[in-house]
Amino acid sequence: MDNNFERYDEIAELLKVIAHPVRLCIIRGLLRKGKCNVSYMQNCLDIPQPTVSRHLQMLKNAGLIKGERNGLEINYTVCNEKVTNIINLLFEDEE
């Protein structure tokens, strides 16, 4: 064992951010589709747009996703390899 708690703290924060059903669903959907916008996610998730935006903001602030503007819409993609690996591991039985 080591006492590098800063490293463990970073990992714990990452896990806290993804430890919500909606955020797990968003990340998994982005990995499957490649990229999508808020309207597409809202229709798929059947939850209000402000709720989707709030979850996206949390994922973006944690550096797990990024948004790329295309005219009036923003398309989101997963940009964190650790999160990609975690999600793929968690859902490997369903692939």
PDB file of N, CA and C in Angstrom:
ATOM      1  N   MET A   1       0.846  -1.187   0.000  1.00  0.00           N
ATOM      2  CA  MET A   1       0.000   0.000   0.000  1.00  0.00           C
ATOM      3  C   MET A   1       0.883   1.238   0.000  1.00  0.00           C
ATOM      4  N   ASP A   2       0.334   2.288  -0.579  1.00  0.00           N
ATOM      5  CA  ASP A   2       1.047   3.560  -0.499  1.00  0.00           C
ATOM      6  C   ASP A   2       0.084   4.618   0.022  1.00  0.00           C
ATOM      7  N   ASN A   3       0.633   5.714   0.398  1.00  0.00           N
ATOM      8  CA  ASN A   3      -0.211   6.781   0.964  1.00  0.00           C
ATOM      9  C   ASN A   3      -0.265   7.995   0.049  1.00  0.00           C
ATOM     10  N   ASN A   4      -0.266   7.749  -1.249  1.00  0.00           N
ATOM     11  CA  ASN A   4      -0.391   8.823  -2.218  1.00  0.00           C
ATOM     12  C   ASN A   4      -1.875   9.179  -2.364  1.00  0.00           C
ATOM     13  N   PHE A   5      -2.398   9.823  -1.336  1.00  0.00           N
ATOM     14  CA  PHE A   5      -3.838  10.095  -1.289  1.00  0.00           C
ATOM     15  C   PHE A   5      -4.282  11.094  -2.351  1.00  0.00           C
ATOM     16  N   GLU A   6      -3.383  11.939  -2.840  1.00  0.00           N
ATOM     17  CA  GLU A   6      -3.759  12.863  -3.916  1.00  0.00           C
ATOM     18  C   GLU A   6      -4.182  12.078  -5.158  1.00  0.00           C
ATOM     19  N   ARG A   7      -3.428  11.049  -5.460  1.00  0.00           N
ATOM     20  CA  ARG A   7      -3.766  10.206  -6.622  1.00  0.00           C
ATOM     21  C   ARG A   7      -5.117   9.524  -6.398  1.00  0.00           C
ATOM     22  N   TYR A   8      -5.320   8.984  -5.215  1.00  0.00           N
ATOM     23  CA  TYR A   8      -6.590   8.326  -4.913  1.00  0.00           C
ATOM     24  C   TYR A   8      -7.747   9.321  -4.924  1.00  0.00           C
ATOM     25  N   ASP A   9      -7.486  10.531  -4.490  1.00  0.00           N
ATOM     26  CA  ASP A   9      -8.513  11.567  -4.488  1.00  0.00           C
ATOM     27  C   ASP A   9      -8.963  11.881  -5.914  1.00  0.00           C
ATOM     28  N   GLU A  10      -8.023  11.980  -6.843  1.00  0.00           N
ATOM     29  CA  GLU A  10      -8.361  12.242  -8.247  1.00  0.00           C
ATOM     30  C   GLU A  10      -9.230  11.128  -8.813  1.00  0.00           C
ATOM     31  N   ILE A  11      -8.857   9.904  -8.522  1.00  0.00           N
ATOM     32  CA  ILE A  11      -9.630   8.760  -9.022  1.00  0.00           C
ATOM     33  C   ILE A  11     -11.014   8.723  -8.382  1.00  0.00           C
ATOM     34  N   ALA A  12     -11.091   9.008  -7.089  1.00  0.00           N
ATOM     35  CA  ALA A  12     -12.381   9.025  -6.392  1.00  0.00           C
ATOM     36  C   ALA A  12     -13.295  10.105  -6.985  1.00  0.00           C
ATOM     37  N   GLU A  13     -12.732  11.263  -7.305  1.00  0.00           N
ATOM     38  CA  GLU A  13     -13.534  12.333  -7.905  1.00  0.00           C
ATOM     39  C   GLU A  13     -14.065  11.921  -9.273  1.00  0.00           C
ATOM     40  N   LEU A  14     -13.239  11.260 -10.061  1.00  0.00           N
ATOM     41  CA  LEU A  14     -13.674  10.762 -11.361  1.00  0.00           C
ATOM     42  C   LEU A  14     -14.837   9.792 -11.198  1.00  0.00           C
ATOM     43  N   LEU A  15     -14.707   8.877 -10.254  1.00  0.00           N
ATOM     44  CA  LEU A  15     -15.775   7.899 -10.018  1.00  0.00           C
ATOM     45  C   LEU A  15     -17.048   8.572  -9.515  1.00  0.00           C
ATOM     46  N   LYS A  16     -16.921   9.599  -8.697  1.00  0.00           N
ATOM     47  CA  LYS A  16     -18.104  10.326  -8.209  1.00  0.00           C
ATOM     48  C   LYS A  16     -18.860  10.966  -9.366  1.00  0.00           C
ATOM     49  N   VAL A  17     -18.132  11.529 -10.313  1.00  0.00           N
ATOM     50  CA  VAL A  17     -18.781  12.205 -11.440  1.00  0.00           C
ATOM     51  C   VAL A  17     -19.562  11.212 -12.291  1.00  0.00           C
ATOM     52  N   ILE A  18     -19.002  10.039 -12.526  1.00  0.00           N
ATOM     53  CA  ILE A  18     -19.714   9.088 -13.396  1.00  0.00           C
ATOM     54  C   ILE A  18     -20.721   8.233 -12.639  1.00  0.00           C
ATOM     55  N   ALA A  19     -20.741   8.330 -11.306  1.00  0.00           N
ATOM     56  CA  ALA A  19     -21.604   7.475 -10.496  1.00  0.00           C
ATOM     57  C   ALA A  19     -23.031   7.999 -10.408  1.00  0.00           C
ATOM     58  N   HIS A  20     -23.626   8.257 -11.542  1.00  0.00           N
ATOM     59  CA  HIS A  20     -25.030   8.673 -11.618  1.00  0.00           C
ATOM     60  C   HIS A  20     -25.605   7.998 -12.863  1.00  0.00           C
ATOM     61  N   PRO A  21     -26.787   7.407 -12.768  1.00  0.00           N
ATOM     62  CA  PRO A  21     -27.352   6.674 -13.907  1.00  0.00           C
ATOM     63  C   PRO A  21     -27.446   7.495 -15.192  1.00  0.00           C
ATOM     64  N   VAL A  22     -27.854   8.754 -15.096  1.00  0.00           N
ATOM     65  CA  VAL A  22     -27.985   9.581 -16.298  1.00  0.00           C
ATOM     66  C   VAL A  22     -26.615   9.847 -16.907  1.00  0.00           C
ATOM     67  N   ARG A  23     -25.621  10.158 -16.075  1.00  0.00           N
ATOM     68  CA  ARG A  23     -24.287  10.433 -16.609  1.00  0.00           C
ATOM     69  C   ARG A  23     -23.657   9.170 -17.198  1.00  0.00           C
ATOM     70  N   LEU A  24     -23.879   8.030 -16.566  1.00  0.00           N
ATOM     71  CA  LEU A  24     -23.408   6.767 -17.148  1.00  0.00           C
ATOM     72  C   LEU A  24     -24.043   6.544 -18.521  1.00  0.00           C
ATOM     73  N   CYS A  25     -25.324   6.792 -18.611  1.00  0.00           N
ATOM     74  CA  CYS A  25     -26.056   6.619 -19.863  1.00  0.00           C
ATOM     75  C   CYS A  25     -25.535   7.583 -20.936  1.00  0.00           C
ATOM     76  N   ILE A  26     -25.292   8.827 -20.561  1.00  0.00           N
ATOM     77  CA  ILE A  26     -24.774   9.814 -21.514  1.00  0.00           C
ATOM     78  C   ILE A  26     -23.410   9.382 -22.027  1.00  0.00           C
ATOM     79  N   ILE A  27     -22.519   9.015 -21.127  1.00  0.00           N
ATOM     80  CA  ILE A  27     -21.172   8.613 -21.547  1.00  0.00           C
ATOM     81  C   ILE A  27     -21.236   7.389 -22.456  1.00  0.00           C
ATOM     82  N   ARG A  28     -22.011   6.409 -22.047  1.00  0.00           N
ATOM     83  CA  ARG A  28     -22.124   5.187 -22.855  1.00  0.00           C
ATOM     84  C   ARG A  28     -22.718   5.488 -24.226  1.00  0.00           C
ATOM     85  N   GLY A  29     -23.737   6.345 -24.254  1.00  0.00           N
ATOM     86  CA  GLY A  29     -24.343   6.726 -25.527  1.00  0.00           C
ATOM     87  C   GLY A  29     -23.373   7.464 -26.428  1.00  0.00           C
ATOM     88  N   LEU A  30     -22.581   8.359 -25.847  1.00  0.00           N
ATOM     89  CA  LEU A  30     -21.586   9.075 -26.650  1.00  0.00           C
ATOM     90  C   LEU A  30     -20.528   8.124 -27.188  1.00  0.00           C
ATOM     91  N   LEU A  31     -20.133   7.163 -26.394  1.00  0.00           N
ATOM     92  CA  LEU A  31     -19.140   6.192 -26.865  1.00  0.00           C
ATOM     93  C   LEU A  31     -19.696   5.344 -28.011  1.00  0.00           C
ATOM     94  N   ARG A  32     -20.969   4.996 -27.915  1.00  0.00           N
ATOM     95  CA  ARG A  32     -21.589   4.183 -28.967  1.00  0.00           C
ATOM     96  C   ARG A  32     -21.826   4.976 -30.245  1.00  0.00           C
ATOM     97  N   LYS A  33     -22.330   6.196 -30.096  1.00  0.00           N
ATOM     98  CA  LYS A  33     -22.702   7.016 -31.253  1.00  0.00           C
ATOM     99  C   LYS A  33     -21.533   7.821 -31.798  1.00  0.00           C
ATOM    100  N   GLY A  34     -20.584   8.155 -30.955  1.00  0.00           N
ATOM    101  CA  GLY A  34     -19.443   8.968 -31.374  1.00  0.00           C
ATOM    102  C   GLY A  34     -19.597  10.408 -30.941  1.00  0.00           C
ATOM    103  N   LYS A  35     -20.711  11.015 -31.307  1.00  0.00           N
ATOM    104  CA  LYS A  35     -21.005  12.381 -30.877  1.00  0.00           C
ATOM    105  C   LYS A  35     -22.494  12.636 -31.025  1.00  0.00           C
ATOM    106  N   CYS A  36     -23.015  13.532 -30.214  1.00  0.00           N
ATOM    107  CA  CYS A  36     -24.404  13.964 -30.360  1.00  0.00           C
ATOM    108  C   CYS A  36     -24.638  15.259 -29.609  1.00  0.00           C
ATOM    109  N   ASN A  37     -25.776  15.872 -29.902  1.00  0.00           N
ATOM    110  CA  ASN A  37     -26.122  17.158 -29.284  1.00  0.00           C
ATOM    111  C   ASN A  37     -27.158  16.971 -28.174  1.00  0.00           C
ATOM    112  N   VAL A  38     -27.451  18.049 -27.488  1.00  0.00           N
ATOM    113  CA  VAL A  38     -28.364  18.004 -26.349  1.00  0.00           C
ATOM    114  C   VAL A  38     -29.763  17.550 -26.759  1.00  0.00           C
ATOM    115  N   SER A  39     -30.263  18.044 -27.879  1.00  0.00           N
ATOM    116  CA  SER A  39     -31.613  17.674 -28.326  1.00  0.00           C
ATOM    117  C   SER A  39     -31.728  16.177 -28.555  1.00  0.00           C
ATOM    118  N   TYR A  40     -30.725  15.585 -29.175  1.00  0.00           N
ATOM    119  CA  TYR A  40     -30.733  14.135 -29.414  1.00  0.00           C
ATOM    120  C   TYR A  40     -30.745  13.386 -28.084  1.00  0.00           C
ATOM    121  N   MET A  41     -29.886  13.821 -27.155  1.00  0.00           N
ATOM    122  CA  MET A  41     -29.814  13.168 -25.843  1.00  0.00           C
ATOM    123  C   MET A  41     -31.127  13.303 -25.090  1.00  0.00           C
ATOM    124  N   GLN A  42     -31.720  14.496 -25.150  1.00  0.00           N
ATOM    125  CA  GLN A  42     -32.983  14.731 -24.449  1.00  0.00           C
ATOM    126  C   GLN A  42     -34.057  13.784 -24.966  1.00  0.00           C
ATOM    127  N   ASN A  43     -34.140  13.613 -26.273  1.00  0.00           N
ATOM    128  CA  ASN A  43     -35.137  12.710 -26.857  1.00  0.00           C
ATOM    129  C   ASN A  43     -34.882  11.263 -26.457  1.00  0.00           C
ATOM    130  N   CYS A  44     -33.632  10.854 -26.446  1.00  0.00           N
ATOM    131  CA  CYS A  44     -33.293   9.468 -26.081  1.00  0.00           C
ATOM    132  C   CYS A  44     -33.551   9.196 -24.599  1.00  0.00           C
ATOM    133  N   LEU A  45     -33.158  10.146 -23.759  1.00  0.00           N
ATOM    134  CA  LEU A  45     -33.269   9.954 -22.315  1.00  0.00           C
ATOM    135  C   LEU A  45     -34.659  10.244 -21.776  1.00  0.00           C
ATOM    136  N   ASP A  46     -35.441  11.024 -22.538  1.00  0.00           N
ATOM    137  CA  ASP A  46     -36.790  11.429 -22.130  1.00  0.00           C
ATOM    138  C   ASP A  46     -36.774  12.148 -20.780  1.00  0.00           C
ATOM    139  N   ILE A  47     -35.841  13.104 -20.665  1.00  0.00           N
ATOM    140  CA  ILE A  47     -35.761  13.965 -19.482  1.00  0.00           C
ATOM    141  C   ILE A  47     -35.648  15.410 -19.967  1.00  0.00           C
ATOM    142  N   PRO A  48     -35.977  16.388 -19.122  1.00  0.00           N
ATOM    143  CA  PRO A  48     -35.946  17.786 -19.548  1.00  0.00           C
ATOM    144  C   PRO A  48     -34.558  18.246 -19.994  1.00  0.00           C
ATOM    145  N   GLN A  49     -34.547  19.147 -20.957  1.00  0.00           N
ATOM    146  CA  GLN A  49     -33.296  19.671 -21.508  1.00  0.00           C
ATOM    147  C   GLN A  49     -32.396  20.290 -20.443  1.00  0.00           C
ATOM    148  N   PRO A  50     -32.930  21.073 -19.483  1.00  0.00           N
ATOM    149  CA  PRO A  50     -32.040  21.624 -18.448  1.00  0.00           C
ATOM    150  C   PRO A  50     -31.337  20.540 -17.621  1.00  0.00           C
ATOM    151  N   THR A  51     -32.005  19.412 -17.420  1.00  0.00           N
ATOM    152  CA  THR A  51     -31.398  18.311 -16.676  1.00  0.00           C
ATOM    153  C   THR A  51     -30.244  17.698 -17.468  1.00  0.00           C
ATOM    154  N   VAL A  52     -30.462  17.500 -18.760  1.00  0.00           N
ATOM    155  CA  VAL A  52     -29.396  16.983 -19.624  1.00  0.00           C
ATOM    156  C   VAL A  52     -28.218  17.952 -19.611  1.00  0.00           C
ATOM    157  N   SER A  53     -28.497  19.234 -19.749  1.00  0.00           N
ATOM    158  CA  SER A  53     -27.433  20.244 -19.779  1.00  0.00           C
ATOM    159  C   SER A  53     -26.647  20.273 -18.473  1.00  0.00           C
ATOM    160  N   ARG A  54     -27.333  20.099 -17.362  1.00  0.00           N
ATOM    161  CA  ARG A  54     -26.656  20.100 -16.055  1.00  0.00           C
ATOM    162  C   ARG A  54     -25.685  18.916 -15.959  1.00  0.00           C
ATOM    163  N   HIS A  55     -26.134  17.757 -16.396  1.00  0.00           N
ATOM    164  CA  HIS A  55     -25.259  16.578 -16.366  1.00  0.00           C
ATOM    165  C   HIS A  55     -24.082  16.744 -17.330  1.00  0.00           C
ATOM    166  N   LEU A  56     -24.348  17.296 -18.506  1.00  0.00           N
ATOM    167  CA  LEU A  56     -23.267  17.543 -19.464  1.00  0.00           C
ATOM    168  C   LEU A  56     -22.234  18.503 -18.888  1.00  0.00           C
ATOM    169  N   GLN A  57     -22.698  19.530 -18.196  1.00  0.00           N
ATOM    170  CA  GLN A  57     -21.781  20.499 -17.596  1.00  0.00           C
ATOM    171  C   GLN A  57     -20.878  19.838 -16.556  1.00  0.00           C
ATOM    172  N   MET A  58     -21.447  18.952 -15.757  1.00  0.00           N
ATOM    173  CA  MET A  58     -20.639  18.234 -14.763  1.00  0.00           C
ATOM    174  C   MET A  58     -19.577  17.372 -15.440  1.00  0.00           C
ATOM    175  N   LEU A  59     -19.965  16.674 -16.500  1.00  0.00           N
ATOM    176  CA  LEU A  59     -19.021  15.826 -17.229  1.00  0.00           C
ATOM    177  C   LEU A  59     -17.943  16.660 -17.909  1.00  0.00           C
ATOM    178  N   LYS A  60     -18.356  17.794 -18.444  1.00  0.00           N
ATOM    179  CA  LYS A  60     -17.410  18.695 -19.114  1.00  0.00           C
ATOM    180  C   LYS A  60     -16.431  19.308 -18.113  1.00  0.00           C
ATOM    181  N   ASN A  61     -16.942  19.769 -16.978  1.00  0.00           N
ATOM    182  CA  ASN A  61     -16.078  20.361 -15.949  1.00  0.00           C
ATOM    183  C   ASN A  61     -15.052  19.368 -15.421  1.00  0.00           C
ATOM    184  N   ALA A  62     -15.401  18.082 -15.423  1.00  0.00           N
ATOM    185  CA  ALA A  62     -14.486  17.049 -14.957  1.00  0.00           C
ATOM    186  C   ALA A  62     -13.500  16.624 -16.050  1.00  0.00           C
ATOM    187  N   GLY A  63     -13.658  17.174 -17.249  1.00  0.00           N
ATOM    188  CA  GLY A  63     -12.752  16.841 -18.342  1.00  0.00           C
ATOM    189  C   GLY A  63     -13.025  15.499 -18.982  1.00  0.00           C
ATOM    190  N   LEU A  64     -14.261  15.014 -18.857  1.00  0.00           N
ATOM    191  CA  LEU A  64     -14.606  13.709 -19.399  1.00  0.00           C
ATOM    192  C   LEU A  64     -15.189  13.792 -20.805  1.00  0.00           C
ATOM    193  N   ILE A  65     -15.830  14.923 -21.108  1.00  0.00           N
ATOM    194  CA  ILE A  65     -16.386  15.143 -22.439  1.00  0.00           C
ATOM    195  C   ILE A  65     -15.959  16.526 -22.913  1.00  0.00           C
ATOM    196  N   LYS A  66     -16.096  16.735 -24.218  1.00  0.00           N
ATOM    197  CA  LYS A  66     -15.854  18.063 -24.773  1.00  0.00           C
ATOM    198  C   LYS A  66     -16.945  18.352 -25.792  1.00  0.00           C
ATOM    199  N   GLY A  67     -17.194  19.633 -25.993  1.00  0.00           N
ATOM    200  CA  GLY A  67     -18.209  20.047 -26.948  1.00  0.00           C
ATOM    201  C   GLY A  67     -17.573  20.789 -28.103  1.00  0.00           C
ATOM    202  N   GLU A  68     -18.088  20.528 -29.296  1.00  0.00           N
ATOM    203  CA  GLU A  68     -17.611  21.198 -30.496  1.00  0.00           C
ATOM    204  C   GLU A  68     -18.803  21.867 -31.174  1.00  0.00           C
ATOM    205  N   ARG A  69     -18.712  23.173 -31.320  1.00  0.00           N
ATOM    206  CA  ARG A  69     -19.821  23.932 -31.908  1.00  0.00           C
ATOM    207  C   ARG A  69     -19.901  23.679 -33.401  1.00  0.00           C
ATOM    208  N   ASN A  70     -21.151  23.449 -33.862  1.00  0.00           N
ATOM    209  CA  ASN A  70     -21.436  23.270 -35.283  1.00  0.00           C
ATOM    210  C   ASN A  70     -22.656  24.131 -35.587  1.00  0.00           C
ATOM    211  N   GLY A  71     -22.422  25.385 -35.935  1.00  0.00           N
ATOM    212  CA  GLY A  71     -23.526  26.322 -36.135  1.00  0.00           C
ATOM    213  C   GLY A  71     -24.154  26.660 -34.800  1.00  0.00           C
ATOM    214  N   LEU A  72     -25.453  26.384 -34.660  1.00  0.00           N
ATOM    215  CA  LEU A  72     -26.165  26.684 -33.424  1.00  0.00           C
ATOM    216  C   LEU A  72     -26.108  25.556 -32.403  1.00  0.00           C
ATOM    217  N   GLU A  73     -25.660  24.385 -32.813  1.00  0.00           N
ATOM    218  CA  GLU A  73     -25.643  23.263 -31.873  1.00  0.00           C
ATOM    219  C   GLU A  73     -24.216  22.899 -31.464  1.00  0.00           C
ATOM    220  N   ILE A  74     -24.132  22.223 -30.336  1.00  0.00           N
ATOM    221  CA  ILE A  74     -22.855  21.729 -29.832  1.00  0.00           C
ATOM    222  C   ILE A  74     -22.932  20.208 -29.801  1.00  0.00           C
ATOM    223  N   ASN A  75     -21.977  19.577 -30.448  1.00  0.00           N
ATOM    224  CA  ASN A  75     -21.891  18.118 -30.434  1.00  0.00           C
ATOM    225  C   ASN A  75     -20.850  17.713 -29.399  1.00  0.00           C
ATOM    226  N   TYR A  76     -21.239  16.778 -28.551  1.00  0.00           N
ATOM    227  CA  TYR A  76     -20.385  16.331 -27.461  1.00  0.00           C
ATOM    228  C   TYR A  76     -19.755  14.989 -27.793  1.00  0.00           C
ATOM    229  N   THR A  77     -18.514  14.802 -27.321  1.00  0.00           N
ATOM    230  CA  THR A  77     -17.796  13.544 -27.459  1.00  0.00           C
ATOM    231  C   THR A  77     -17.056  13.257 -26.154  1.00  0.00           C
ATOM    232  N   VAL A  78     -16.765  11.998 -25.923  1.00  0.00           N
ATOM    233  CA  VAL A  78     -15.961  11.603 -24.769  1.00  0.00           C
ATOM    234  C   VAL A  78     -14.498  11.861 -25.120  1.00  0.00           C
ATOM    235  N   CYS A  79     -13.769  12.483 -24.198  1.00  0.00           N
ATOM    236  CA  CYS A  79     -12.373  12.842 -24.463  1.00  0.00           C
ATOM    237  C   CYS A  79     -11.419  12.333 -23.385  1.00  0.00           C
ATOM    238  N   ASN A  80     -11.880  11.402 -22.566  1.00  0.00           N
ATOM    239  CA  ASN A  80     -11.063  10.895 -21.466  1.00  0.00           C
ATOM    240  C   ASN A  80     -10.910   9.386 -21.616  1.00  0.00           C
ATOM    241  N   GLU A  81      -9.696   8.948 -21.851  1.00  0.00           N
ATOM    242  CA  GLU A  81      -9.444   7.529 -22.100  1.00  0.00           C
ATOM    243  C   GLU A  81      -9.745   6.655 -20.882  1.00  0.00           C
ATOM    244  N   LYS A  82      -9.479   7.179 -19.676  1.00  0.00           N
ATOM    245  CA  LYS A  82      -9.780   6.403 -18.470  1.00  0.00           C
ATOM    246  C   LYS A  82     -11.269   6.098 -18.382  1.00  0.00           C
ATOM    247  N   VAL A  83     -12.087   7.123 -18.639  1.00  0.00           N
ATOM    248  CA  VAL A  83     -13.538   6.936 -18.576  1.00  0.00           C
ATOM    249  C   VAL A  83     -13.985   5.964 -19.660  1.00  0.00           C
ATOM    250  N   THR A  84     -13.414   6.064 -20.834  1.00  0.00           N
ATOM    251  CA  THR A  84     -13.745   5.127 -21.903  1.00  0.00           C
ATOM    252  C   THR A  84     -13.462   3.698 -21.459  1.00  0.00           C
ATOM    253  N   ASN A  85     -12.298   3.486 -20.873  1.00  0.00           N
ATOM    254  CA  ASN A  85     -11.926   2.149 -20.406  1.00  0.00           C
ATOM    255  C   ASN A  85     -12.850   1.657 -19.295  1.00  0.00           C
ATOM    256  N   ILE A  86     -13.195   2.540 -18.361  1.00  0.00           N
ATOM    257  CA  ILE A  86     -14.081   2.162 -17.249  1.00  0.00           C
ATOM    258  C   ILE A  86     -15.457   1.760 -17.773  1.00  0.00           C
ATOM    259  N   ILE A  87     -16.030   2.572 -18.646  1.00  0.00           N
ATOM    260  CA  ILE A  87     -17.368   2.291 -19.180  1.00  0.00           C
ATOM    261  C   ILE A  87     -17.354   0.995 -19.993  1.00  0.00           C
ATOM    262  N   ASN A  88     -16.326   0.818 -20.820  1.00  0.00           N
ATOM    263  CA  ASN A  88     -16.232  -0.418 -21.602  1.00  0.00           C
ATOM    264  C   ASN A  88     -16.130  -1.637 -20.695  1.00  0.00           C
ATOM    265  N   LEU A  89     -15.396  -1.511 -19.614  1.00  0.00           N
ATOM    266  CA  LEU A  89     -15.266  -2.611 -18.656  1.00  0.00           C
ATOM    267  C   LEU A  89     -16.594  -2.891 -17.962  1.00  0.00           C
ATOM    268  N   LEU A  90     -17.273  -1.824 -17.525  1.00  0.00           N
ATOM    269  CA  LEU A  90     -18.542  -2.001 -16.809  1.00  0.00           C
ATOM    270  C   LEU A  90     -19.618  -2.648 -17.670  1.00  0.00           C
ATOM    271  N   PHE A  91     -19.589  -2.377 -18.967  1.00  0.00           N
ATOM    272  CA  PHE A  91     -20.652  -2.861 -19.836  1.00  0.00           C
ATOM    273  C   PHE A  91     -20.167  -3.914 -20.830  1.00  0.00           C
ATOM    274  N   GLU A  92     -19.034  -4.563 -20.544  1.00  0.00           N
ATOM    275  CA  GLU A  92     -18.490  -5.531 -21.481  1.00  0.00           C
ATOM    276  C   GLU A  92     -19.427  -6.716 -21.716  1.00  0.00           C
ATOM    277  N   ASP A  93     -20.247  -7.053 -20.746  1.00  0.00           N
ATOM    278  CA  ASP A  93     -21.186  -8.177 -20.892  1.00  0.00           C
ATOM    279  C   ASP A  93     -22.304  -7.867 -21.896  1.00  0.00           C
ATOM    280  N   GLU A  94     -22.547  -6.588 -22.152  1.00  0.00           N
ATOM    281  CA  GLU A  94     -23.659  -6.185 -22.999  1.00  0.00           C
ATOM    282  C   GLU A  94     -23.241  -5.857 -24.426  1.00  0.00           C
ATOM    283  N   GLU A  95     -21.983  -5.978 -24.721  1.00  0.00           N
ATOM    284  CA  GLU A  95     -21.504  -5.647 -26.083  1.00  0.00           C
ATOM    285  C   GLU A  95     -21.674  -6.806 -27.004  1.00  0.00           C
TER     286      GLU A  95
END
